[in-house]
């Protein structure tokens, strides 16, 4: 887990028709708490960013304003509370207020300042699928080059159950590393799931898994997924599950059946359209899951967003 040094937290201060609320809502409060937890473990710096999503005319008025205390200053005042909380934990932090779409401001900040983790909260805890699809969270999952943690607010900040969806790729291995680290540090139960589709094995580079009956393939894959876990100390032995079936259906059902609170998985851009679309499984799965998501991308990922000058 000691791999993050420069964490960016997207804080949403809007509340109804108010551009700046007086305090953080539950989604942003949860995101801040998780970010500070990671930062304290990694001795990382945290930047709290709020983007005022206003029309171009309003943006210009804000830039030209001569008032002593503007709405931007109000946002900075609220974010100062996050800084004070970070100070109590011994975490260095700073604030940033941008003008424009939140997802774009966050990605541009990542590109400009080389953040290695983005943490954001969901707006709606009841209709997560509607919230994520087409939202700031989904756009970040598609276009942000560094890992993105989309947190779902809950009454308990502790993470009890972690699921790693592993596709036997290098980015799947990175997702396993992060998921296992979080499970170890939180004392969470760890589940690792791989869904086998016959076509996948016809195209697989893991040729030694092709021979023999399906039961042998399942056993070999379980063994393969369990090997990287030997150096960790978990509260209980991880559950390694390999099932034949459609990955989206299998993972979705597993999350519900086992009360998974955090899903860790890789998102892979389709060949030839790098940085625009996620892989088919992630594209179909992410809008459906009722839990927090930590998504990582391969090292070859190129964001379609350009860094600001």
Protein backbone atom coordinates (compact mmCIF):
# COMPACT_ATOMS: atom_id res chain seq x y z
CA UNK A 1 0.00 0.00 0.00
CA UNK A 2 3.02 2.27 0.40
CA UNK A 3 2.92 3.50 -3.16
CA UNK A 4 0.91 6.74 -3.03
CA UNK A 5 2.66 10.05 -2.45
CA UNK A 6 0.40 12.69 -4.01
CA UNK A 7 -3.33 12.16 -3.46
CA UNK A 8 -6.11 14.27 -4.97
CA UNK A 9 -9.56 14.37 -3.35
CA UNK A 10 -12.54 15.65 -5.32
CA UNK A 11 -14.80 17.43 -2.83
CA UNK A 12 -18.36 18.33 -3.85
CA UNK A 13 -19.58 21.39 -1.93
CA UNK A 14 -22.72 21.99 -4.00
CA UNK A 15 -26.02 21.50 -2.21
CA UNK A 16 -29.20 22.04 -4.22
CA UNK A 17 -29.15 25.59 -5.55
CA UNK A 18 -26.22 26.51 -3.32
CA UNK A 19 -22.82 26.39 -5.02
CA UNK A 20 -21.04 26.19 -1.67
CA UNK A 21 -22.59 24.48 1.34
CA UNK A 22 -21.39 25.30 4.83
CA UNK A 23 -20.15 21.75 5.48
CA UNK A 24 -19.29 18.54 3.65
CA UNK A 25 -22.03 16.14 2.65
CA UNK A 26 -21.75 12.44 3.54
CA UNK A 27 -20.21 11.38 0.18
CA UNK A 28 -17.39 13.92 0.31
CA UNK A 29 -16.81 13.33 4.03
CA UNK A 30 -16.34 9.62 3.31
CA UNK A 31 -13.93 10.35 0.46
CA UNK A 32 -11.89 12.69 2.68
CA UNK A 33 -11.72 10.09 5.45
CA UNK A 34 -10.47 7.33 3.14
CA UNK A 35 -7.96 9.66 1.48
CA UNK A 36 -6.53 10.76 4.82
CA UNK A 37 -6.28 7.14 5.93
CA UNK A 38 -4.24 6.25 2.83
CA UNK A 39 -2.15 9.43 3.17
CA UNK A 40 -1.29 8.73 6.82
CA UNK A 41 -0.03 5.26 5.88
CA UNK A 42 2.01 6.55 2.95
CA UNK A 43 3.19 9.90 4.36
CA UNK A 44 1.52 11.39 1.29
CA UNK A 45 0.42 14.92 0.51
CA UNK A 46 -3.31 15.47 -0.05
CA UNK A 47 -4.91 18.15 -2.21
CA UNK A 48 -8.60 18.89 -1.66
CA UNK A 49 -10.17 20.21 -4.87
CA UNK A 50 -13.62 21.66 -5.46
CA UNK A 51 -14.71 22.61 -8.97
CA UNK A 52 -17.39 25.28 -9.33
CA UNK A 53 -19.38 24.03 -12.30
CA UNK A 54 -20.70 27.31 -13.67
CA UNK A 55 -21.53 28.63 -17.14
CA UNK A 56 -18.86 30.59 -19.05
CA UNK A 57 -20.54 33.91 -18.27
CA UNK A 58 -20.60 33.21 -14.53
CA UNK A 59 -17.02 31.99 -14.70
CA UNK A 60 -15.90 35.28 -16.21
CA UNK A 61 -17.82 37.24 -13.60
CA UNK A 62 -16.05 35.31 -10.85
CA UNK A 63 -12.66 35.91 -12.46
CA UNK A 64 -13.38 39.63 -12.82
CA UNK A 65 -14.95 40.08 -9.38
CA UNK A 66 -13.50 42.82 -7.20
CA UNK A 67 -15.41 41.78 -4.09
CA UNK A 68 -13.34 41.14 -1.00
CA UNK A 69 -14.98 37.77 -0.26
CA UNK A 70 -16.13 35.82 -3.29
CA UNK A 71 -17.76 32.41 -3.62
CA UNK A 72 -14.31 31.01 -4.34
CA UNK A 73 -13.20 32.30 -0.94
CA UNK A 74 -16.26 30.65 0.64
CA UNK A 75 -15.23 27.32 -0.90
CA UNK A 76 -11.68 27.73 0.39
CA UNK A 77 -13.04 28.43 3.87
CA UNK A 78 -14.99 25.15 3.86
CA UNK A 79 -12.03 23.21 2.48
CA UNK A 80 -9.89 24.67 5.25
CA UNK A 81 -11.80 22.35 7.57
CA UNK A 82 -10.37 19.40 5.63
CA UNK A 83 -6.88 20.85 6.07
CA UNK A 84 -7.39 21.11 9.82
CA UNK A 85 -8.52 17.49 9.94
CA UNK A 86 -5.43 16.46 7.98
CA UNK A 87 -3.20 18.39 10.40
CA UNK A 88 -4.67 16.45 13.33
CA UNK A 89 -3.49 13.24 11.61
CA UNK A 90 -0.08 14.63 10.75
CA UNK A 91 -0.89 14.73 7.02
CA UNK A 92 0.29 17.64 4.88
CA UNK A 93 -2.43 19.07 2.65
CA UNK A 94 -3.54 21.98 0.50
CA UNK A 95 -6.70 23.23 -1.19
CA UNK A 96 -7.59 24.12 -4.76
CA UNK A 97 -10.75 25.69 -6.18
CA UNK A 98 -11.24 25.36 -9.94
CA UNK A 99 -13.89 26.63 -12.33
CA UNK A 100 -15.52 24.15 -14.70
CA UNK A 101 -16.61 20.51 -14.84
CA UNK A 102 -15.38 18.54 -11.84
CA UNK A 103 -14.16 15.49 -13.76
CA UNK A 104 -12.17 17.63 -16.20
CA UNK A 105 -10.64 19.76 -13.45
CA UNK A 106 -9.59 16.62 -11.59
CA UNK A 107 -8.03 14.91 -14.61
CA UNK A 108 -6.21 18.07 -15.65
CA UNK A 109 -4.87 18.46 -12.12
CA UNK A 110 -3.64 14.84 -12.21
CA UNK A 111 -1.81 15.48 -15.48
CA UNK A 112 -0.32 18.77 -14.31
CA UNK A 113 0.71 17.77 -10.78
CA UNK A 114 1.26 14.02 -11.24
CA UNK A 115 -1.18 12.83 -8.60
CA UNK A 116 -1.05 9.06 -8.14
CA UNK A 117 -4.52 8.51 -6.61
CA UNK A 118 -7.87 10.28 -6.97
CA UNK A 119 -10.58 9.79 -4.36
CA UNK A 120 -14.15 10.99 -4.90
CA UNK A 121 -17.49 10.29 -3.25
CA UNK A 122 -20.79 9.32 -4.79
CA UNK A 123 -23.63 11.86 -4.71
CA UNK A 124 -26.48 9.42 -4.23
CA UNK A 125 -26.18 6.54 -1.80
CA UNK A 126 -29.52 5.02 -2.81
CA UNK A 127 -29.27 4.92 -6.60
CA UNK A 128 -25.59 4.23 -7.12
CA UNK A 129 -25.96 2.99 -10.69
CA UNK A 130 -27.70 6.20 -11.77
CA UNK A 131 -25.12 8.26 -9.93
CA UNK A 132 -22.08 6.60 -11.44
CA UNK A 133 -23.14 6.26 -15.04
CA UNK A 134 -22.45 9.49 -16.91
CA UNK A 135 -21.30 11.17 -13.70
CA UNK A 136 -18.04 12.60 -12.48
CA UNK A 137 -17.15 9.16 -11.11
CA UNK A 138 -17.69 7.32 -14.38
CA UNK A 139 -15.81 9.91 -16.42
CA UNK A 140 -12.88 9.66 -14.04
CA UNK A 141 -12.92 5.88 -14.31
CA UNK A 142 -12.76 6.24 -18.08
CA UNK A 143 -10.31 9.10 -18.52
CA UNK A 144 -8.14 9.55 -15.44
CA UNK A 145 -4.68 8.00 -15.88
CA UNK A 146 -4.08 7.17 -12.21
CA UNK A 147 -6.07 4.86 -9.90
CA UNK A 148 -9.51 6.19 -8.97
CA UNK A 149 -11.34 5.36 -5.75
CA UNK A 150 -15.07 6.10 -5.94
CA UNK A 151 -16.39 5.77 -2.40
CA UNK A 152 -19.96 5.02 -1.38
CA UNK A 153 -21.00 6.67 1.89
CA UNK A 154 -21.92 4.37 4.74
CA UNK A 155 -22.44 4.63 8.46
CA UNK A 156 -19.14 2.87 9.13
CA UNK A 157 -15.91 4.12 7.56
CA UNK A 158 -14.28 0.76 8.22
CA UNK A 159 -14.08 -1.54 5.18
CA UNK A 160 -15.19 -5.04 6.16
CA UNK A 161 -15.19 -6.87 2.81
CA UNK A 162 -12.94 -6.42 -0.24
CA UNK A 163 -13.38 -8.14 -3.60
CA UNK A 164 -10.66 -8.22 -6.25
CA UNK A 165 -11.95 -8.98 -9.74
CA UNK A 166 -8.87 -10.51 -11.40
CA UNK A 167 -8.66 -11.10 -15.16
CA UNK A 168 -5.18 -12.71 -15.11
CA UNK A 169 -3.64 -9.60 -16.70
CA UNK A 170 -0.86 -7.34 -15.31
CA UNK A 171 -3.42 -4.68 -14.40
CA UNK A 172 -5.39 -7.39 -12.60
CA UNK A 173 -2.26 -8.17 -10.61
CA UNK A 174 -2.00 -4.50 -9.60
CA UNK A 175 -5.66 -4.53 -8.53
CA UNK A 176 -4.88 -7.60 -6.41
CA UNK A 177 -1.91 -5.85 -4.79
CA UNK A 178 -4.04 -2.84 -3.82
CA UNK A 179 -7.03 -4.88 -2.70
CA UNK A 180 -4.88 -7.21 -0.61
CA UNK A 181 -3.09 -4.26 1.03
CA UNK A 182 -6.37 -2.59 1.98
CA UNK A 183 -7.77 -5.86 3.34
CA UNK A 184 -4.63 -6.45 5.41
CA UNK A 185 -4.53 -2.93 6.85
CA UNK A 186 -8.29 -2.76 7.56
CA UNK A 187 -8.53 -6.32 8.84
CA UNK A 188 -11.10 -6.93 6.09
CA UNK A 189 -12.12 -10.24 4.62
CA UNK A 190 -10.57 -10.60 1.15
CA UNK A 191 -12.27 -12.27 -1.79
CA UNK A 192 -10.60 -12.85 -5.16
CA UNK A 193 -12.84 -13.74 -8.08
CA UNK A 194 -12.06 -14.79 -11.62
CA UNK A 195 -14.85 -15.68 -14.04
CA UNK A 196 -13.89 -18.14 -16.75
CA UNK A 197 -15.33 -17.77 -20.21
CA UNK A 198 -14.38 -20.50 -22.68
CA UNK A 199 -13.51 -17.93 -25.35
CA UNK A 200 -11.08 -16.26 -22.93
CA UNK A 201 -9.13 -19.46 -22.62
CA UNK A 202 -9.08 -19.98 -26.36
CA UNK A 203 -7.34 -16.59 -26.64
CA UNK A 204 -5.32 -16.87 -23.41
CA UNK A 205 -1.54 -16.73 -23.19
CA UNK A 206 -1.83 -19.09 -20.20
CA UNK A 207 -1.57 -22.10 -22.51
CA UNK A 208 -0.98 -24.62 -19.75
CA UNK A 209 -4.53 -23.94 -18.57
CA UNK A 210 -5.99 -25.02 -21.89
CA UNK A 211 -5.39 -28.72 -21.47
CA UNK A 212 -7.53 -31.01 -19.39
CA UNK A 213 -11.11 -30.79 -18.07
CA UNK A 214 -12.69 -27.61 -16.72
CA UNK A 215 -12.22 -28.68 -13.09
CA UNK A 216 -8.47 -28.81 -13.64
CA UNK A 217 -8.56 -25.32 -15.14
CA UNK A 218 -10.44 -24.02 -12.13
CA UNK A 219 -7.96 -25.56 -9.70
CA UNK A 220 -4.94 -24.25 -11.63
CA UNK A 221 -6.40 -20.75 -11.75
CA UNK A 222 -7.19 -20.73 -8.03
CA UNK A 223 -3.59 -21.70 -7.36
CA UNK A 224 -2.31 -18.98 -9.70
CA UNK A 225 -4.38 -16.28 -7.98
CA UNK A 226 -3.37 -17.37 -4.50
CA UNK A 227 0.41 -17.29 -4.99
CA UNK A 228 0.93 -13.49 -4.66
CA UNK A 229 -0.85 -13.50 -1.24
CA UNK A 230 1.77 -15.44 0.69
CA UNK A 231 3.52 -12.34 2.09
CA UNK A 232 0.39 -10.78 3.59
CA UNK A 233 -1.08 -11.19 7.07
CA UNK A 234 -4.86 -11.35 6.88
CA UNK A 235 -7.43 -11.64 9.64
CA UNK A 236 -8.79 -14.74 7.88
CA UNK A 237 -7.67 -16.78 4.90
CA UNK A 238 -8.67 -15.09 1.61
CA UNK A 239 -11.47 -16.65 -0.38
CA UNK A 240 -10.25 -17.43 -3.91
CA UNK A 241 -13.14 -18.21 -6.24
CA UNK A 242 -12.99 -19.25 -9.88
CA UNK A 243 -16.34 -19.70 -11.60
CA UNK A 244 -17.37 -20.48 -15.14
CA UNK A 245 -19.73 -17.83 -16.47
CA UNK A 246 -20.19 -14.30 -17.72
CA UNK A 247 -17.86 -11.99 -15.70
CA UNK A 248 -20.40 -9.17 -15.31
CA UNK A 249 -23.19 -11.42 -14.06
CA UNK A 250 -20.84 -13.43 -11.85
CA UNK A 251 -19.15 -10.44 -10.21
CA UNK A 252 -22.42 -8.53 -9.72
CA UNK A 253 -24.07 -11.50 -8.02
CA UNK A 254 -21.03 -12.17 -5.85
CA UNK A 255 -20.98 -8.57 -4.59
CA UNK A 256 -24.62 -8.79 -3.49
CA UNK A 257 -24.41 -12.31 -2.05
CA UNK A 258 -21.32 -11.57 0.06
CA UNK A 259 -22.00 -7.97 1.08
CA UNK A 260 -18.88 -6.63 -0.64
CA UNK A 261 -18.07 -3.04 0.36
CA UNK A 262 -15.09 -2.39 -1.94
CA UNK A 263 -14.48 -3.75 -5.43
CA UNK A 264 -10.92 -3.48 -6.77
CA UNK A 265 -10.40 -4.15 -10.47
CA UNK A 266 -8.52 -3.08 -13.55
CA UNK A 267 -10.00 -1.12 -16.41
CA UNK A 268 -8.39 -1.67 -19.78
CA UNK A 269 -8.84 0.58 -22.83
CA UNK A 270 -9.97 -1.13 -26.01
CA UNK A 271 -7.28 -1.71 -28.60
CA UNK A 272 -6.81 1.26 -30.93
CA UNK A 273 -8.93 3.66 -28.86
CA UNK A 274 -6.63 4.08 -25.88
CA UNK A 275 -7.93 6.33 -23.14
CA UNK A 276 -11.48 6.62 -24.45
CA UNK A 277 -13.28 3.39 -23.56
CA UNK A 278 -12.81 0.88 -20.80
CA UNK A 279 -12.65 -2.84 -21.45
CA UNK A 280 -15.94 -4.58 -22.09
CA UNK A 281 -16.25 -6.14 -18.64
CA UNK A 282 -15.54 -2.91 -16.75
CA UNK A 283 -17.72 -0.88 -19.11
CA UNK A 284 -20.71 -3.12 -18.39
CA UNK A 285 -20.00 -3.79 -14.75
CA UNK A 286 -19.10 -0.48 -13.14
CA UNK A 287 -22.51 1.23 -13.51
CA UNK A 288 -24.17 -1.72 -11.78
CA UNK A 289 -22.18 -2.31 -8.61
CA UNK A 290 -23.70 -1.18 -5.27
CA UNK A 291 -20.35 -0.70 -3.52
CA UNK A 292 -17.25 1.49 -3.58
CA UNK A 293 -14.80 0.95 -6.44
CA UNK A 294 -11.03 1.22 -6.67
CA UNK A 295 -10.13 1.04 -10.36
CA UNK A 296 -6.65 0.91 -11.83
CA UNK A 297 -5.40 1.20 -15.40
CA UNK A 298 -2.45 -0.39 -17.21
CA UNK A 299 0.81 1.52 -17.50
CA UNK A 300 0.17 1.97 -21.24
CA UNK A 301 -3.03 3.95 -20.66
CA UNK A 302 -3.09 7.39 -22.29
CA UNK A 303 -5.72 9.90 -21.16
CA UNK A 304 -7.62 11.74 -23.92
CA UNK A 305 -7.46 14.87 -21.75
CA UNK A 306 -4.58 17.25 -22.30
CA UNK A 307 -2.70 18.87 -19.46
CA UNK A 308 -3.37 22.59 -18.96
CA UNK A 309 -0.59 24.98 -19.97
